[in-house]
Protein backbone atom coordinates (compact mmCIF):
# COMPACT_ATOMS: atom_id res chain seq x y z
CA MET A 1 92.77 44.56 -5.02
CA ASN A 2 95.75 44.50 -2.71
CA LYS A 3 93.69 43.61 0.26
CA ARG A 4 92.35 40.52 -1.68
CA ILE A 5 95.82 39.38 -2.61
CA VAL A 6 96.91 39.70 1.06
CA THR A 7 93.83 37.85 2.27
CA MET A 8 94.47 35.03 -0.26
CA LEU A 9 98.08 34.80 0.73
CA VAL A 10 97.12 34.62 4.43
CA LEU A 11 94.56 31.78 3.64
CA VAL A 12 97.03 29.87 1.52
CA GLY A 13 99.63 30.19 4.16
CA ALA A 14 97.35 29.09 6.93
CA CYS A 15 96.17 26.05 4.95
CA ALA A 16 99.74 25.05 4.06
CA GLY A 17 100.85 25.53 7.73
CA LEU A 18 97.97 23.39 9.05
CA SER A 19 98.30 20.63 6.48
CA ALA A 20 102.03 20.34 6.62
CA CYS A 21 102.18 19.46 10.30
CA ALA A 22 101.85 15.75 11.15
CA THR A 23 102.46 14.18 14.46
CA THR A 24 104.88 11.27 15.02
CA GLY A 25 101.79 9.21 15.94
CA GLU A 26 100.11 9.98 12.57
CA VAL A 27 103.22 9.10 10.72
CA GLU A 28 103.55 5.75 12.59
CA ALA A 29 99.83 5.03 12.09
CA LEU A 30 100.42 5.58 8.27
CA ARG A 31 103.56 3.41 8.35
CA THR A 32 101.49 0.66 10.06
CA ARG A 33 98.76 0.92 7.38
CA VAL A 34 101.24 0.74 4.55
CA ASP A 35 102.91 -2.29 6.13
CA ALA A 36 99.56 -3.98 6.37
CA LEU A 37 98.61 -3.00 2.72
CA GLU A 38 102.03 -4.40 1.50
CA SER A 39 101.41 -7.57 3.44
CA ASN A 40 97.89 -7.82 1.86
CA VAL A 41 99.45 -7.21 -1.62
CA SER A 42 101.95 -10.07 -1.15
CA ALA A 43 99.14 -12.43 -0.02
CA THR A 44 97.05 -11.42 -3.04
CA ARG A 45 99.92 -12.02 -5.38
CA ALA A 46 100.49 -15.54 -4.01
CA ASP A 47 96.86 -16.20 -4.15
CA ALA A 48 96.75 -15.03 -7.81
CA ALA A 49 99.80 -17.34 -8.69
CA ALA A 50 97.98 -20.19 -7.07
CA ALA A 51 94.82 -19.43 -9.15
CA ARG A 52 96.83 -19.26 -12.32
CA THR A 53 98.33 -22.63 -11.54
CA THR A 54 94.88 -24.08 -10.84
CA ALA A 55 93.47 -22.56 -14.09
CA SER A 56 96.37 -23.97 -16.03
CA ASP A 57 95.77 -27.44 -14.57
CA ALA A 58 92.11 -27.02 -15.52
CA VAL A 59 92.94 -26.08 -19.10
CA ASN A 60 95.03 -29.13 -19.41
CA THR A 61 92.41 -31.36 -17.93
CA ALA A 62 89.88 -29.94 -20.37
CA ASN A 63 92.23 -30.35 -23.33
CA GLN A 64 92.73 -33.98 -22.37
CA ALA A 65 88.94 -34.54 -22.17
CA LEU A 66 88.52 -32.83 -25.51
CA ASP A 67 91.13 -35.08 -27.10
CA LYS A 68 89.31 -38.14 -25.58
CA ALA A 69 85.99 -36.86 -26.98
CA ASN A 70 87.41 -36.28 -30.42
CA GLU A 71 88.97 -39.77 -30.38
CA ALA A 72 85.61 -41.21 -29.36
CA ASN A 73 83.85 -39.29 -32.07
CA ALA A 74 86.19 -40.54 -34.72
CA ARG A 75 85.72 -44.21 -33.60
CA SER A 76 81.93 -43.63 -33.59
CA ILE A 77 82.09 -42.45 -37.24
CA ASP A 78 84.29 -45.16 -38.21
CA THR A 79 81.93 -47.79 -36.60
CA GLU A 80 78.89 -46.06 -38.22
CA THR A 81 80.70 -46.30 -41.65
CA LYS A 82 81.40 -49.95 -41.16
CA ILE A 83 77.73 -50.77 -40.10
CA ASP A 84 76.50 -48.83 -43.16
CA ARG A 85 78.78 -50.95 -45.32
CA MET A 86 77.64 -54.06 -43.70
CA PHE A 87 73.97 -53.19 -44.00
CA LYS A 88 74.32 -52.33 -47.76
CA ARG A 89 76.02 -55.63 -48.43
CA ALA A 90 73.32 -57.49 -46.65
CA MET A 91 70.67 -55.72 -48.65
CA HIS A 92 72.38 -56.58 -51.97
CA LYS A 93 72.34 -60.34 -51.23
């Protein structure tokens, strides 16, 4: 049992020792990657903001078109009602 514990401690120590050592080059490479990722995140945020603006403009345009369509529909119904009244008057004469 004691031998197992010692073996485990040696393995854990070896893994910790090997994984904890990083060269300056590796650290710089990681910093470069992090900087590139931060730049990409900033660009993505800017793109998302532009997309939100475009989507908002599209919604406004769609709402204006819907208002015009509703107005045209109301006029159409009004015109249809007037034509029906005129037809009924003509039929009664």
